[in-house]
Amino acid sequence: MEKGHSMEVSRFGLEFNPFLKNSKEILVETAQYREALFRLSYLAKTKGFGLLTGGPGRGKTTAVRNWAAALNPSLYKVVYSCLSTLTVSDFYRSLVESLGGQPSFRKPDNFRSIQEEVSRLCLEKKKTPVIIIDEANYIGNAILNDLKLLFNFEMDSRDRAVILLCGLGQLNNTLRLSVHEPLRQRLVMNFHMEGMTKEEGRTFIRAKLDGAGCSHAVFDEGATEAILNASDGTPRVLNRLCCQSLLCADAKKLDLVDADTVMQAINDCELG
């Protein structure tokens, strides 16, 4: 997709390619995105465990990133961890470090440090730690059991931290196992992001084009329909297909993307 940067976007009346991830990223708020933000805001107020799932490219990371960025830094301390890139021991060590403690080599010491730092932030600094565990579908049963113990502060009945597990749909299946019932019962927020409806998909494309300064049609009706069918309501796939369709149309010196060009783009994306 690197070629997208050199594409002649002015051919389509665009100031830049709105379907590429770039500094001018245009956020389109779908119903699912707004609902996810509403649920996450509720979680921030109530504290405790939250679960946000959805298929790849459905917008989970975008929703979480924008929600976390909007939290008041004098009231919340956001800690982000991605489980697909960390070993179990690295996960606990990085959690201690991110919370402001000194990591150890022994798990029990890191456990104690995490609990101490959460208490210090909550009781002394009056800040709520917000621990975001992304790609949590990679989480093992051992870590899930640990999390339950780790954030069980028996000295008071109120939760002291927000722990958000974010990942693919199979995370829900994992938590349905009877061994994880105690943790599942502690979830105060559980939301699964679905794909966009076709109408939302149309709005999504139009909003992206508008955001890039385009005032006329770029995709004809057949092209739009083909993109919506192939993307199955997934924003990331829709972006990729629109981008590839523009590349194909530019190569063919077309000012309006038609269905044949989209079909070519779909084949290109499947080959790539």
Protein backbone atom coordinates (compact mmCIF):
# COMPACT_ATOMS: atom_id res chain seq x y z
CA MET A 1 0.00 0.00 0.00
CA GLU A 2 3.04 2.28 0.08
CA LYS A 3 2.21 3.26 -3.51
CA GLY A 4 -0.85 5.09 -2.13
CA HIS A 5 1.33 8.00 -1.09
CA SER A 6 2.36 8.73 -4.70
CA MET A 7 -1.14 8.31 -6.15
CA GLU A 8 -2.46 11.37 -7.98
CA VAL A 9 -5.29 12.11 -5.51
CA SER A 10 -6.12 15.45 -7.16
CA ARG A 11 -7.60 13.41 -10.05
CA PHE A 12 -10.50 12.62 -7.70
CA GLY A 13 -10.73 16.12 -6.21
CA LEU A 14 -9.04 14.98 -2.98
CA GLU A 15 -6.52 16.99 -0.95
CA PHE A 16 -5.06 13.72 0.41
CA ASN A 17 -5.95 10.03 0.51
CA PRO A 18 -8.48 9.79 3.40
CA PHE A 19 -8.42 5.98 3.40
CA LEU A 20 -4.77 5.74 4.42
CA LYS A 21 -3.60 5.97 8.01
CA ASN A 22 -1.87 9.33 8.14
CA SER A 23 -1.55 12.52 10.17
CA LYS A 24 -4.92 13.68 8.83
CA GLU A 25 -6.81 10.62 9.98
CA ILE A 26 -10.54 11.26 9.74
CA LEU A 27 -12.59 9.71 12.53
CA VAL A 28 -16.07 8.60 11.49
CA GLU A 29 -18.24 7.92 14.54
CA THR A 30 -20.40 4.89 13.83
CA ALA A 31 -23.18 3.74 16.17
CA GLN A 32 -20.91 0.92 17.40
CA TYR A 33 -18.07 3.37 18.07
CA ARG A 34 -20.35 5.70 20.07
CA GLU A 35 -21.78 2.77 22.05
CA ALA A 36 -18.26 1.49 22.83
CA LEU A 37 -17.26 4.97 24.10
CA PHE A 38 -20.41 5.18 26.22
CA ARG A 39 -19.67 1.77 27.81
CA LEU A 40 -16.00 2.66 28.37
CA SER A 41 -16.96 5.94 30.05
CA TYR A 42 -19.26 3.99 32.37
CA LEU A 43 -16.38 1.62 33.18
CA ALA A 44 -14.09 4.56 34.02
CA LYS A 45 -16.65 5.85 36.54
CA THR A 46 -17.50 2.52 38.17
CA LYS A 47 -14.00 0.92 38.04
CA GLY A 48 -13.42 -2.84 37.94
CA PHE A 49 -13.11 -5.24 35.02
CA GLY A 50 -14.31 -4.49 31.49
CA LEU A 51 -14.31 -6.53 28.29
CA LEU A 52 -14.33 -5.07 24.76
CA THR A 53 -14.31 -7.55 21.89
CA GLY A 54 -14.87 -7.53 18.14
CA GLY A 55 -13.57 -8.94 14.87
CA PRO A 56 -10.28 -7.70 13.39
CA GLY A 57 -10.45 -4.15 12.05
CA ARG A 58 -13.79 -3.35 13.68
CA GLY A 59 -12.42 -0.25 15.43
CA LYS A 60 -11.71 -1.53 18.98
CA THR A 61 -8.24 0.00 19.19
CA THR A 62 -9.44 3.33 17.77
CA ALA A 63 -12.27 3.49 20.33
CA VAL A 64 -9.98 2.57 23.24
CA ARG A 65 -7.23 4.97 22.15
CA ASN A 66 -9.62 7.93 21.82
CA TRP A 67 -11.36 7.11 25.11
CA ALA A 68 -8.06 6.82 26.99
CA ALA A 69 -6.72 10.06 25.44
CA ALA A 70 -9.81 11.93 26.65
CA LEU A 71 -9.44 10.80 30.30
CA ASN A 72 -8.37 13.59 32.67
CA PRO A 73 -4.67 12.89 33.47
CA SER A 74 -5.05 14.39 36.94
CA LEU A 75 -7.72 11.78 37.77
CA TYR A 76 -6.57 8.75 35.77
CA LYS A 77 -3.25 7.05 35.05
CA VAL A 78 -3.45 5.06 31.82
CA VAL A 79 -1.23 2.00 31.43
CA TYR A 80 -1.24 0.18 28.08
CA SER A 81 -0.02 -3.36 27.56
CA CYS A 82 -0.16 -5.54 24.44
CA LEU A 83 -0.16 -9.25 25.22
CA SER A 84 0.81 -10.46 21.75
CA THR A 85 4.28 -8.94 22.18
CA LEU A 86 5.05 -9.87 25.80
CA THR A 87 5.90 -13.07 27.67
CA VAL A 88 4.01 -13.68 30.92
CA SER A 89 6.92 -12.55 33.12
CA ASP A 90 7.54 -9.49 30.92
CA PHE A 91 3.84 -8.62 31.22
CA TYR A 92 4.03 -8.36 35.03
CA ARG A 93 7.37 -6.56 34.98
CA SER A 94 6.13 -3.98 32.45
CA LEU A 95 2.96 -3.48 34.50
CA VAL A 96 5.01 -2.71 37.64
CA GLU A 97 7.23 -0.30 35.69
CA SER A 98 4.30 1.47 33.97
CA LEU A 99 2.60 1.98 37.33
CA GLY A 100 5.75 3.61 38.69
CA GLY A 101 7.30 0.73 40.66
CA GLN A 102 10.56 -1.19 40.49
CA PRO A 103 10.23 -4.50 38.58
CA SER A 104 11.56 -7.73 40.14
CA PHE A 105 12.45 -11.14 38.71
CA ARG A 106 10.10 -13.05 41.02
CA LYS A 107 6.37 -13.05 40.25
CA PRO A 108 5.25 -12.74 43.92
CA ASP A 109 7.42 -9.60 44.28
CA ASN A 110 5.92 -8.09 41.12
CA PHE A 111 2.42 -8.94 42.38
CA ARG A 112 3.10 -7.12 45.62
CA SER A 113 4.57 -4.13 43.75
CA ILE A 114 1.54 -3.90 41.44
CA GLN A 115 -0.87 -3.92 44.39
CA GLU A 116 1.24 -1.37 46.26
CA GLU A 117 1.43 0.97 43.25
CA VAL A 118 -2.32 0.70 42.58
CA SER A 119 -3.01 1.52 46.25
CA ARG A 120 -0.51 4.40 46.23
CA LEU A 121 -2.03 5.92 43.09
CA CYS A 122 -5.56 5.48 44.36
CA LEU A 123 -5.15 6.49 48.02
CA GLU A 124 -2.26 8.97 47.96
CA LYS A 125 -2.40 10.50 44.47
CA LYS A 126 -6.21 10.20 44.17
CA LYS A 127 -5.75 8.76 40.68
CA THR A 128 -7.52 5.73 39.22
CA PRO A 129 -5.15 3.40 37.36
CA VAL A 130 -6.60 2.41 33.98
CA ILE A 131 -4.89 -0.79 32.85
CA ILE A 132 -5.60 -1.59 29.20
CA ILE A 133 -4.62 -5.10 28.10
CA ASP A 134 -4.84 -5.14 24.31
CA GLU A 135 -4.88 -8.29 22.14
CA ALA A 136 -6.04 -10.06 25.30
CA ASN A 137 -7.20 -13.04 23.21
CA TYR A 138 -3.55 -14.16 23.65
CA ILE A 139 -4.11 -14.25 27.41
CA GLY A 140 -3.52 -17.61 29.08
CA ASN A 141 -5.64 -19.20 31.80
CA ALA A 142 -2.84 -18.57 34.29
CA ILE A 143 -2.88 -14.79 33.70
CA LEU A 144 -6.68 -14.67 33.86
CA ASN A 145 -6.54 -16.40 37.25
CA ASP A 146 -3.77 -14.04 38.35
CA LEU A 147 -5.73 -10.92 37.36
CA LYS A 148 -8.63 -11.98 39.55
CA LEU A 149 -6.30 -12.28 42.56
CA LEU A 150 -4.14 -9.30 41.65
CA PHE A 151 -6.98 -6.79 41.68
CA ASN A 152 -8.93 -8.26 44.58
CA PHE A 153 -8.42 -5.60 47.25
CA GLU A 154 -10.03 -7.14 50.30
CA MET A 155 -9.39 -4.17 52.55
CA ASP A 156 -12.28 -2.28 50.93
CA SER A 157 -15.27 -3.32 48.85
CA ARG A 158 -14.64 -0.81 46.07
CA ASP A 159 -12.48 -1.51 43.06
CA ARG A 160 -9.39 0.68 42.91
CA ALA A 161 -8.50 0.27 39.24
CA VAL A 162 -10.02 -0.09 35.79
CA ILE A 163 -8.83 -3.26 34.04
CA LEU A 164 -9.93 -3.40 30.40
CA LEU A 165 -9.42 -6.60 28.42
CA CYS A 166 -9.60 -5.85 24.71
CA GLY A 167 -9.40 -8.47 21.96
CA LEU A 168 -11.04 -10.75 19.42
CA GLY A 169 -14.36 -12.52 19.97
CA GLN A 170 -12.79 -15.77 21.20
CA LEU A 171 -11.89 -13.93 24.41
CA ASN A 172 -15.60 -14.17 25.28
CA ASN A 173 -15.49 -17.95 24.79
CA THR A 174 -12.44 -18.22 27.06
CA LEU A 175 -14.20 -16.29 29.81
CA ARG A 176 -17.25 -18.57 29.52
CA LEU A 177 -15.18 -21.52 30.75
CA SER A 178 -16.35 -22.49 34.23
CA VAL A 179 -12.86 -21.96 35.67
CA HIS A 180 -13.20 -18.23 34.84
CA GLU A 181 -16.74 -17.80 36.17
CA PRO A 182 -15.53 -15.75 39.20
CA LEU A 183 -13.79 -13.28 36.87
CA ARG A 184 -16.73 -13.19 34.45
CA GLN A 185 -19.04 -12.33 37.36
CA ARG A 186 -16.83 -9.35 38.14
CA LEU A 187 -17.21 -7.79 34.68
CA VAL A 188 -18.96 -4.44 35.01
CA MET A 189 -18.80 -3.80 31.25
CA ASN A 190 -18.93 -6.28 28.38
CA PHE A 191 -19.37 -5.06 24.81
CA HIS A 192 -18.84 -6.76 21.44
CA MET A 193 -18.33 -4.42 18.47
CA GLU A 194 -20.30 -5.50 15.41
CA GLY A 195 -19.68 -4.38 11.82
CA MET A 196 -21.24 -1.32 10.21
CA THR A 197 -24.59 -1.51 8.46
CA LYS A 198 -24.58 -0.77 4.72
CA GLU A 199 -26.08 2.65 5.39
CA GLU A 200 -23.30 3.40 7.86
CA GLY A 201 -20.77 2.17 5.31
CA ARG A 202 -22.08 4.70 2.79
CA THR A 203 -21.91 7.46 5.42
CA PHE A 204 -18.38 6.31 6.33
CA ILE A 205 -17.14 6.63 2.71
CA ARG A 206 -18.88 9.97 2.23
CA ALA A 207 -17.48 11.40 5.50
CA LYS A 208 -13.94 10.31 4.56
CA LEU A 209 -14.24 11.96 1.14
CA ASP A 210 -15.73 15.14 2.65
CA GLY A 211 -12.89 15.25 5.18
CA ALA A 212 -10.38 15.19 2.32
CA GLY A 213 -12.05 18.19 0.66
CA CYS A 214 -13.97 16.27 -2.01
CA SER A 215 -17.31 17.71 -3.08
CA HIS A 216 -18.35 15.24 -5.80
CA ALA A 217 -18.84 11.50 -6.30
CA VAL A 218 -15.66 9.41 -6.51
CA PHE A 219 -17.27 5.94 -6.47
CA ASP A 220 -20.28 5.26 -8.65
CA GLU A 221 -23.27 3.36 -7.19
CA GLY A 222 -22.07 -0.04 -8.43
CA ALA A 223 -18.59 0.58 -7.03
CA THR A 224 -19.94 1.62 -3.64
CA GLU A 225 -22.19 -1.45 -3.48
CA ALA A 226 -19.27 -3.76 -4.37
CA ILE A 227 -17.05 -2.20 -1.69
CA LEU A 228 -19.79 -2.47 0.96
CA ASN A 229 -20.46 -6.12 0.12
CA ALA A 230 -16.78 -7.10 0.14
CA SER A 231 -15.90 -5.21 3.33
CA ASP A 232 -18.70 -6.85 5.38
CA GLY A 233 -19.01 -3.76 7.58
CA THR A 234 -15.38 -3.82 8.76
CA PRO A 235 -13.84 -0.31 8.73
CA ARG A 236 -10.25 -1.49 8.16
CA VAL A 237 -11.24 -3.63 5.14
CA LEU A 238 -13.42 -0.83 3.77
CA ASN A 239 -10.50 1.62 4.00
CA ARG A 240 -8.19 -0.83 2.28
CA LEU A 241 -10.62 -1.55 -0.57
CA CYS A 242 -11.35 2.15 -1.15
CA CYS A 243 -7.63 2.89 -1.19
CA GLN A 244 -6.84 0.06 -3.60
CA SER A 245 -9.79 1.05 -5.83
CA LEU A 246 -8.44 4.60 -6.09
CA LEU A 247 -5.01 3.22 -7.03
CA CYS A 248 -6.52 1.03 -9.75
CA ALA A 249 -8.68 3.88 -11.08
CA ASP A 250 -5.69 6.22 -11.10
CA ALA A 251 -3.66 3.66 -13.08
CA LYS A 252 -6.53 3.46 -15.60
CA LYS A 253 -6.82 7.29 -15.63
CA LEU A 254 -10.45 7.14 -14.47
CA ASP A 255 -11.97 10.09 -12.60
CA LEU A 256 -14.87 7.98 -11.34
CA VAL A 257 -14.36 4.54 -9.79
CA ASP A 258 -16.66 1.90 -11.29
CA ALA A 259 -17.59 -1.65 -10.19
CA ASP A 260 -15.06 -3.31 -12.53
CA THR A 261 -12.25 -1.29 -10.92
CA VAL A 262 -13.45 -2.31 -7.45
CA MET A 263 -13.48 -5.99 -8.49
CA GLN A 264 -9.87 -5.58 -9.65
CA ALA A 265 -9.04 -3.95 -6.31
CA ILE A 266 -10.70 -6.81 -4.39
CA ASN A 267 -8.56 -9.31 -6.33
CA ASP A 268 -5.43 -7.24 -5.64
CA CYS A 269 -6.20 -7.15 -1.91
CA GLU A 270 -6.75 -10.91 -1.81
CA LEU A 271 -3.48 -11.50 -3.66
CA GLY A 272 -1.54 -9.13 -1.39
